[in-house]
N, C-alpha and C. Protein backbone atom coordinates (compact mmCIF):
# COMPACT_ATOMS: atom_id res chain seq x y z
N MET A 1 -6.62 -12.17 -13.52
CA MET A 1 -6.89 -11.04 -13.32
C MET A 1 -5.81 -10.20 -13.99
N ASP A 2 -4.91 -10.11 -13.97
CA ASP A 2 -3.65 -9.20 -14.72
C ASP A 2 -3.23 -10.34 -15.60
N SER A 3 -4.06 -10.69 -16.54
CA SER A 3 -3.44 -12.00 -17.20
C SER A 3 -2.47 -11.14 -18.58
N ALA A 4 -2.63 -9.85 -18.74
CA ALA A 4 -2.08 -9.55 -19.89
C ALA A 4 -0.80 -9.50 -19.67
N ASN A 5 -0.01 -9.42 -18.14
CA ASN A 5 1.33 -9.54 -17.82
C ASN A 5 1.49 -11.26 -17.33
N GLY A 6 0.58 -12.05 -17.73
CA GLY A 6 0.93 -13.32 -17.56
C GLY A 6 0.89 -13.90 -16.10
N ILE A 7 0.23 -12.57 -14.89
CA ILE A 7 0.34 -12.90 -13.59
C ILE A 7 -1.50 -13.19 -13.78
N LEU A 8 -1.61 -14.22 -12.64
CA LEU A 8 -2.73 -15.03 -12.19
C LEU A 8 -3.39 -14.42 -10.91
N LEU A 9 -4.60 -13.81 -10.85
CA LEU A 9 -4.74 -13.20 -9.50
C LEU A 9 -5.77 -13.70 -9.07
N HIS A 10 -6.47 -13.81 -8.26
CA HIS A 10 -7.81 -14.39 -7.61
C HIS A 10 -8.94 -13.04 -8.15
N VAL A 11 -10.00 -13.41 -8.41
CA VAL A 11 -11.23 -12.38 -9.03
C VAL A 11 -12.11 -11.95 -7.30
N PRO A 12 -11.72 -10.74 -7.26
CA PRO A 12 -12.46 -10.28 -5.53
C PRO A 12 -13.99 -10.42 -6.04
N SER A 13 -14.83 -10.61 -4.87
CA SER A 13 -16.08 -10.41 -4.66
C SER A 13 -16.53 -9.00 -4.71
N ALA A 14 -17.99 -8.96 -4.68
CA ALA A 14 -18.45 -7.55 -4.49
C ALA A 14 -18.01 -7.39 -3.01
N GLY A 15 -18.02 -8.15 -2.16
CA GLY A 15 -17.75 -7.63 -0.67
C GLY A 15 -16.27 -7.12 -0.50
N ASP A 16 -15.20 -7.95 -1.04
CA ASP A 16 -14.05 -7.40 -1.34
C ASP A 16 -13.80 -6.02 -2.03
N GLU A 17 -14.55 -5.93 -2.82
CA GLU A 17 -14.50 -4.65 -3.77
C GLU A 17 -14.96 -3.40 -2.68
N ASN A 18 -15.89 -3.41 -2.02
CA ASN A 18 -16.52 -2.60 -1.27
C ASN A 18 -15.93 -2.38 0.01
N ARG A 19 -15.09 -3.58 0.55
CA ARG A 19 -14.17 -3.40 1.78
C ARG A 19 -12.97 -2.60 1.35
N ALA A 20 -12.38 -2.96 0.06
CA ALA A 20 -11.19 -2.14 -0.40
C ALA A 20 -11.56 -0.85 -0.59
N LEU A 21 -12.58 -0.35 -0.86
CA LEU A 21 -13.13 1.09 -1.24
C LEU A 21 -13.22 1.68 0.23
N ALA A 22 -13.74 1.16 1.16
CA ALA A 22 -13.89 1.85 2.63
C ALA A 22 -12.56 2.01 3.12
N ILE A 23 -11.46 0.97 2.87
CA ILE A 23 -10.12 0.94 3.50
C ILE A 23 -9.52 2.05 2.70
N PHE A 24 -9.75 2.12 1.34
CA PHE A 24 -9.00 3.05 0.94
C PHE A 24 -9.47 4.62 1.38
N ASP A 25 -10.47 4.70 1.42
CA ASP A 25 -11.10 5.92 1.94
C ASP A 25 -10.70 6.16 3.43
N ARG A 26 -10.34 5.12 4.17
CA ARG A 26 -10.09 5.37 5.58
C ARG A 26 -8.67 5.83 5.49
N LEU A 27 -7.61 5.09 4.71
CA LEU A 27 -6.31 5.31 4.48
C LEU A 27 -6.08 7.06 4.15
N ILE A 28 -6.81 7.56 3.01
CA ILE A 28 -6.70 8.55 2.62
C ILE A 28 -7.01 9.72 3.53
N ARG A 29 -8.23 9.51 4.35
CA ARG A 29 -8.32 10.34 5.62
C ARG A 29 -7.74 10.73 6.78
N LYS A 30 -6.94 9.31 6.77
CA LYS A 30 -5.69 9.53 7.99
C LYS A 30 -4.28 10.34 7.77
N THR A 31 -4.48 10.35 6.10
CA THR A 31 -3.18 10.80 5.88
C THR A 31 -3.06 12.54 6.06
N GLY A 32 -2.03 12.91 6.59
CA GLY A 32 -1.43 14.72 6.96
C GLY A 32 -1.59 15.40 5.57
N THR A 33 -1.29 16.77 5.87
CA THR A 33 -1.11 17.32 4.51
C THR A 33 0.36 16.75 4.03
N GLY A 34 0.49 17.17 2.41
CA GLY A 34 1.68 16.62 1.96
C GLY A 34 1.36 15.55 0.47
N MET A 35 2.32 15.29 0.15
CA MET A 35 2.36 14.44 -1.53
C MET A 35 2.64 13.02 -0.83
N HIS A 36 1.55 12.19 -1.25
CA HIS A 36 1.69 10.71 -0.95
C HIS A 36 1.81 9.84 -1.94
N ARG A 37 2.58 8.83 -1.72
CA ARG A 37 2.19 7.98 -2.76
C ARG A 37 2.26 6.57 -2.34
N LEU A 38 1.24 5.59 -2.60
CA LEU A 38 0.93 4.53 -2.19
C LEU A 38 1.44 3.34 -3.61
N THR A 39 2.28 2.27 -2.68
CA THR A 39 2.37 1.75 -3.49
C THR A 39 2.02 -0.06 -3.11
N LEU A 40 0.95 -0.61 -3.73
CA LEU A 40 0.36 -1.93 -3.39
C LEU A 40 1.13 -3.19 -4.15
N THR A 41 1.47 -4.41 -3.63
CA THR A 41 2.27 -5.60 -3.77
C THR A 41 1.35 -6.63 -3.93
N VAL A 42 1.13 -7.45 -4.90
CA VAL A 42 0.11 -8.75 -4.49
C VAL A 42 0.92 -9.60 -5.41
N GLU A 43 1.35 -10.78 -4.46
CA GLU A 43 2.13 -11.86 -4.99
C GLU A 43 1.11 -13.12 -5.66
N GLY A 44 1.12 -12.84 -6.96
CA GLY A 44 -0.06 -13.89 -7.53
C GLY A 44 0.81 -15.01 -8.60
N ILE A 45 0.19 -15.65 -9.02
CA ILE A 45 0.79 -17.10 -9.70
C ILE A 45 1.21 -16.50 -11.06
N ASN A 46 2.59 -16.36 -11.03
CA ASN A 46 3.57 -16.36 -12.20
C ASN A 46 4.34 -14.90 -11.84
N GLY A 47 3.97 -14.59 -10.90
CA GLY A 47 4.64 -13.09 -10.57
C GLY A 47 3.94 -12.09 -9.90
N THR A 48 4.20 -10.77 -9.72
CA THR A 48 4.02 -9.90 -8.51
C THR A 48 3.12 -9.09 -9.27
N ALA A 49 1.77 -8.48 -8.91
CA ALA A 49 1.11 -7.55 -9.62
C ALA A 49 1.54 -6.02 -8.53
N PHE A 50 1.75 -4.76 -9.18
CA PHE A 50 1.92 -3.55 -8.40
C PHE A 50 0.62 -2.33 -8.94
N ALA A 51 0.44 -1.73 -7.81
CA ALA A 51 -0.42 -0.86 -8.48
C ALA A 51 0.25 0.33 -7.68
N GLU A 52 0.21 1.62 -8.00
CA GLU A 52 0.41 2.91 -7.20
C GLU A 52 -0.60 3.82 -7.26
N PHE A 53 -0.78 4.75 -6.32
CA PHE A 53 -1.34 6.03 -6.51
C PHE A 53 -0.94 7.23 -5.61
N ALA A 54 -0.69 8.09 -6.47
CA ALA A 54 0.08 9.09 -5.75
C ALA A 54 -1.21 10.52 -5.70
N PHE A 55 -1.03 11.01 -4.41
CA PHE A 55 -2.17 12.05 -4.53
C PHE A 55 -1.89 13.16 -3.23
N LEU A 56 -1.99 14.57 -3.54
CA LEU A 56 -1.74 15.54 -2.91
C LEU A 56 -2.72 15.92 -1.80
N ARG A 57 -2.60 15.85 -0.63
CA ARG A 57 -3.66 16.24 0.48
C ARG A 57 -3.02 17.62 1.18
N MET A 58 -3.97 18.27 1.30
CA MET A 58 -3.82 19.69 1.23
C MET A 58 -4.39 20.23 2.60
N GLU A 59 -3.93 21.47 3.37
CA GLU A 59 -4.13 21.80 4.55
C GLU A 59 -5.88 21.74 4.88
N ASP A 60 -6.72 22.06 3.89
CA ASP A 60 -8.19 22.30 3.71
C ASP A 60 -8.83 20.58 3.57
N ASP A 61 -8.00 19.87 3.66
CA ASP A 61 -8.61 18.64 3.99
C ASP A 61 -8.82 18.08 2.11
N MET A 62 -8.87 18.71 1.33
CA MET A 62 -8.78 18.45 -0.09
C MET A 62 -8.09 17.37 -0.84
N THR A 63 -8.24 16.52 -1.53
CA THR A 63 -7.37 15.39 -1.43
C THR A 63 -7.64 15.54 -3.24
N VAL A 64 -6.09 15.52 -4.00
CA VAL A 64 -5.99 15.77 -5.68
C VAL A 64 -5.22 14.50 -5.96
N GLY A 65 -5.90 13.73 -7.02
CA GLY A 65 -5.19 12.72 -7.76
C GLY A 65 -5.91 12.23 -8.72
N SER A 66 -5.39 11.32 -9.54
CA SER A 66 -6.00 10.72 -10.60
C SER A 66 -7.38 9.79 -10.35
N VAL A 67 -8.51 10.07 -10.61
CA VAL A 67 -9.39 8.88 -10.37
C VAL A 67 -9.05 7.60 -11.03
N GLU A 68 -8.62 7.64 -12.29
CA GLU A 68 -8.51 6.19 -13.06
C GLU A 68 -7.16 5.67 -12.62
N LYS A 69 -6.17 6.41 -12.00
CA LYS A 69 -5.02 5.45 -10.84
C LYS A 69 -5.69 4.80 -9.53
N ALA A 70 -6.65 5.62 -8.97
CA ALA A 70 -7.44 5.45 -7.56
C ALA A 70 -8.27 4.31 -7.91
N ASP A 71 -8.92 3.96 -9.31
CA ASP A 71 -9.72 2.75 -9.47
C ASP A 71 -8.96 2.03 -9.74
N GLN A 72 -7.98 1.78 -10.56
CA GLN A 72 -6.88 0.78 -10.83
C GLN A 72 -6.10 0.14 -9.43
N PHE A 73 -6.05 1.13 -8.36
CA PHE A 73 -5.70 0.88 -7.25
C PHE A 73 -6.44 -0.10 -6.50
N CYS A 74 -7.81 0.65 -6.59
CA CYS A 74 -8.86 -0.09 -5.59
C CYS A 74 -9.05 -1.51 -6.37
N VAL A 75 -9.15 -1.82 -7.45
CA VAL A 75 -9.24 -3.19 -8.21
C VAL A 75 -8.02 -4.03 -7.36
N LEU A 76 -6.81 -3.84 -7.34
CA LEU A 76 -5.62 -4.21 -6.81
C LEU A 76 -5.88 -4.79 -5.23
N LEU A 77 -6.52 -3.66 -4.53
CA LEU A 77 -6.73 -3.51 -3.41
C LEU A 77 -7.52 -4.74 -3.16
N ALA A 78 -8.87 -4.84 -3.89
CA ALA A 78 -9.88 -5.90 -3.77
C ALA A 78 -9.26 -7.31 -3.57
N VAL A 79 -8.45 -7.18 -4.63
CA VAL A 79 -7.61 -8.67 -4.65
C VAL A 79 -7.02 -8.80 -3.38
N ALA A 80 -6.05 -7.58 -2.54
CA ALA A 80 -5.34 -8.08 -1.54
C ALA A 80 -6.40 -8.21 -0.39
N VAL A 81 -7.51 -7.66 -0.13
CA VAL A 81 -8.19 -7.73 1.03
C VAL A 81 -9.29 -8.88 1.03
N SER A 82 -9.05 -9.83 -0.42
CA SER A 82 -9.71 -10.95 -0.38
C SER A 82 -8.84 -12.05 0.39
N GLY A 83 -7.35 -11.63 0.77
CA GLY A 83 -7.13 -12.66 1.80
C GLY A 83 -6.06 -13.97 0.67
N ALA A 84 -6.93 -13.92 -0.55
CA ALA A 84 -6.21 -15.26 -1.67
C ALA A 84 -4.97 -14.94 -1.80
N HIS A 85 -3.82 -13.92 -1.73
CA HIS A 85 -2.64 -13.73 -2.07
C HIS A 85 -1.68 -13.07 -1.13
N HIS A 86 -0.47 -13.18 -0.85
CA HIS A 86 0.56 -12.33 0.23
C HIS A 86 0.59 -11.07 -0.53
N SER A 87 0.25 -9.62 0.39
CA SER A 87 0.33 -8.60 0.21
C SER A 87 0.89 -7.94 0.74
N GLY A 88 1.24 -6.46 0.47
CA GLY A 88 2.12 -5.47 1.45
C GLY A 88 1.40 -4.44 0.84
N LEU A 89 1.39 -2.91 1.47
CA LEU A 89 1.19 -1.88 1.25
C LEU A 89 2.36 -0.93 1.91
N VAL A 90 2.64 -0.20 1.19
CA VAL A 90 3.91 0.90 1.47
C VAL A 90 3.18 2.36 1.27
N MET A 91 3.03 3.20 2.25
CA MET A 91 3.01 4.70 1.70
C MET A 91 4.09 6.00 2.36
N ARG A 92 4.91 6.39 0.98
CA ARG A 92 5.81 7.38 1.29
C ARG A 92 5.36 8.89 1.07
N THR A 93 5.52 9.50 2.04
CA THR A 93 4.80 11.05 2.20
C THR A 93 6.37 12.02 2.38
N GLN A 94 5.71 13.06 1.41
CA GLN A 94 6.75 14.20 1.53
C GLN A 94 6.04 15.42 1.92
N ALA A 95 6.55 15.88 2.86
CA ALA A 95 5.72 16.88 3.85
C ALA A 95 7.32 17.73 4.36
N GLU A 96 7.36 18.08 5.30
CA GLU A 96 8.29 18.74 6.15
C GLU A 96 9.51 18.09 6.07
N THR A 97 9.17 16.57 6.42
CA THR A 97 10.37 15.72 5.75
C THR A 97 9.80 14.76 5.38
N GLU A 98 10.42 13.61 4.74
CA GLU A 98 10.12 12.59 3.88
C GLU A 98 9.88 11.18 5.12
N SER A 99 9.01 10.89 5.00
CA SER A 99 8.21 9.16 5.66
C SER A 99 8.09 8.17 5.01
N CYS A 100 8.18 7.23 5.52
CA CYS A 100 7.39 6.09 4.97
C CYS A 100 6.91 5.09 6.25
N CYS A 101 5.99 4.55 5.61
CA CYS A 101 4.96 3.54 6.49
C CYS A 101 4.38 2.30 5.76
N GLY A 102 4.15 1.18 6.69
CA GLY A 102 3.39 0.21 5.88
C GLY A 102 2.43 -0.67 6.53
N TRP A 103 1.69 -1.46 5.59
CA TRP A 103 0.81 -2.41 5.81
C TRP A 103 1.02 -3.79 5.37
N ARG A 104 0.72 -5.00 6.29
CA ARG A 104 1.31 -6.11 5.45
C ARG A 104 -0.48 -6.77 5.97
N PHE A 105 -0.57 -7.64 4.76
CA PHE A 105 -2.18 -8.40 4.66
C PHE A 105 -2.07 -9.82 5.08
N LYS A 106 -2.65 -10.00 6.45
CA LYS A 106 -3.18 -11.10 6.95
C LYS A 106 -4.46 -11.53 6.79
N ASP A 107 -4.96 -12.44 6.10
CA ASP A 107 -6.25 -13.12 5.87
C ASP A 107 -7.17 -11.67 5.40
N GLY A 108 -6.46 -10.84 4.56
CA GLY A 108 -7.07 -10.03 3.56
C GLY A 108 -6.93 -8.65 4.85
N ASP A 109 -6.53 -8.83 5.85
CA ASP A 109 -6.53 -7.39 6.82
C ASP A 109 -5.57 -6.69 6.73
N PRO A 110 -5.28 -5.41 6.49
CA PRO A 110 -4.21 -4.70 6.26
C PRO A 110 -3.44 -4.49 7.94
N LEU A 111 -2.55 -5.01 8.24
CA LEU A 111 -2.11 -4.93 9.34
C LEU A 111 -1.07 -3.55 9.59
N PRO A 112 -1.10 -2.75 10.49
CA PRO A 112 0.11 -1.64 10.49
C PRO A 112 1.46 -2.39 10.80
N LEU A 113 2.35 -1.97 10.21
CA LEU A 113 3.77 -2.08 10.72
C LEU A 113 4.16 -1.12 11.47
N ASN A 114 5.12 -1.29 12.58
CA ASN A 114 5.55 -0.25 13.68
C ASN A 114 6.54 0.47 12.66
N ARG A 115 7.14 1.12 12.59
CA ARG A 115 8.54 1.82 12.57
C ARG A 115 9.92 0.84 12.28
N ALA A 116 10.04 -0.03 13.30
CA ALA A 116 10.93 -0.69 13.29
C ALA A 116 10.80 -1.98 12.14
N GLU A 117 9.46 -2.53 12.08
CA GLU A 117 9.25 -3.21 10.93
C GLU A 117 9.52 -2.90 9.57
N VAL A 118 8.84 -1.53 9.27
CA VAL A 118 9.28 -0.91 8.30
C VAL A 118 10.60 -0.76 7.84
N PHE A 119 11.15 -0.31 8.90
CA PHE A 119 13.01 -0.23 8.79
C PHE A 119 13.45 -1.30 8.30
N ASP A 120 13.46 -2.36 8.99
CA ASP A 120 13.80 -3.81 9.00
C ASP A 120 13.40 -4.35 7.20
N ALA A 121 12.34 -3.73 6.90
CA ALA A 121 11.66 -4.40 5.39
C ALA A 121 12.51 -3.51 4.24
N TYR A 122 12.63 -2.03 4.88
CA TYR A 122 13.69 -1.57 3.74
C TYR A 122 15.16 -2.00 3.55
N CYS A 123 15.58 -2.08 4.97
CA CYS A 123 16.85 -2.39 5.17
C CYS A 123 17.62 -3.97 4.92
N HIS A 124 16.88 -4.74 4.39
CA HIS A 124 16.91 -5.94 3.88
C HIS A 124 16.49 -6.52 2.64
N ASN A 125 17.60 -7.13 2.09
CA ASN A 125 17.16 -8.00 0.79
C ASN A 125 16.54 -8.93 0.92
N ALA A 126 15.27 -9.08 0.51
CA ALA A 126 14.04 -10.09 1.26
C ALA A 126 14.68 -11.56 0.40
N ALA A 127 15.28 -11.36 -0.79
CA ALA A 127 15.96 -12.94 -1.41
C ALA A 127 17.28 -13.53 -0.75
N THR A 128 18.24 -12.64 -0.41
CA THR A 128 19.54 -12.79 0.24
C THR A 128 19.66 -12.46 1.76
N GLY A 129 18.57 -11.67 2.51
CA GLY A 129 19.11 -11.59 3.62
C GLY A 129 19.72 -10.58 3.91
N GLU A 130 20.85 -9.99 2.92
CA GLU A 130 21.64 -9.11 3.12
C GLU A 130 21.44 -7.63 3.96
N VAL A 131 21.95 -7.10 4.77
CA VAL A 131 21.53 -5.79 5.28
C VAL A 131 21.67 -4.69 4.26
N ILE A 132 20.80 -3.80 4.00
CA ILE A 132 21.03 -2.62 2.92
C ILE A 132 21.00 -1.51 3.75
N ALA A 133 22.02 -0.64 3.48
CA ALA A 133 21.92 0.76 4.12
C ALA A 133 20.59 1.80 4.25
N PRO A 134 19.90 2.29 5.19
CA PRO A 134 18.65 2.79 4.91
C PRO A 134 18.99 4.16 4.14
N GLN A 135 17.74 4.44 3.72
CA GLN A 135 17.77 5.59 2.62
C GLN A 135 17.92 6.84 3.51
N PRO A 136 19.07 7.81 3.17
CA PRO A 136 19.26 9.05 3.64
C PRO A 136 18.00 9.62 3.72
N GLY A 137 17.51 10.50 4.99
CA GLY A 137 16.53 11.54 5.06
C GLY A 137 15.32 11.13 5.15
N ILE A 138 15.07 9.49 5.03
CA ILE A 138 13.71 8.86 5.26
C ILE A 138 13.52 8.90 6.65
N GLU A 139 12.38 8.80 7.30
CA GLU A 139 11.77 8.79 8.57
C GLU A 139 11.06 7.62 8.65
N TYR A 140 11.58 6.67 9.02
CA TYR A 140 10.20 5.37 9.17
C TYR A 140 9.27 5.46 10.35
N ALA A 141 8.40 5.17 9.82
CA ALA A 141 7.11 5.61 10.65
C ALA A 141 5.92 4.41 10.90
N ASP A 142 5.46 4.28 12.36
CA ASP A 142 4.30 3.60 12.22
C ASP A 142 3.16 3.74 11.17
N ALA A 143 2.47 2.62 10.91
CA ALA A 143 1.74 3.02 10.09
C ALA A 143 0.23 3.39 10.77
N PRO A 144 -0.89 4.27 10.37
CA PRO A 144 -2.06 4.02 11.03
C PRO A 144 -2.80 2.50 10.97
N VAL A 145 -3.81 2.58 11.77
CA VAL A 145 -4.56 1.55 11.44
C VAL A 145 -5.92 2.06 10.53
N ILE A 146 -5.93 1.03 9.69
CA ILE A 146 -6.59 1.51 8.44
C ILE A 146 -7.98 0.03 7.82
N HIS A 147 -7.42 -1.08 9.03
CA HIS A 147 -8.56 -1.96 8.54
C HIS A 147 -10.08 -1.61 9.21
N ILE A 148 -10.76 -2.27 8.78
CA ILE A 148 -12.19 -2.10 8.90
C ILE A 148 -12.60 -3.30 10.05
């Protein structure tokens, strides 16, 4: 799928695409006010594919973001929900405070991480296992349930 970068990914089905759109919609609706940045990673053959989507959620429930970036994000999200690859999703939010939460995909299902799991993921080098100091001012938070 992402062959331009040499990364090979499973081609999602129409059902995967519909499920990804439903999960994306649910995620957007569960966010509070503030600036949010979603980062999705999918481990493919020959590398890892990334997609980011930033959006602003206002007090009147209006959401502002790039339609093109949302489309690109949902295409990779469909690959993640297919269950064919190891995948993870992180959301960083800037509001009164800065927070971070995340999900891991198991058999294509985005399972919410609790704050300790997110802290652990951010404070350990995955390759070496070394402890990394937490980022100052970041509140690690429980992720909401977004699976269907």
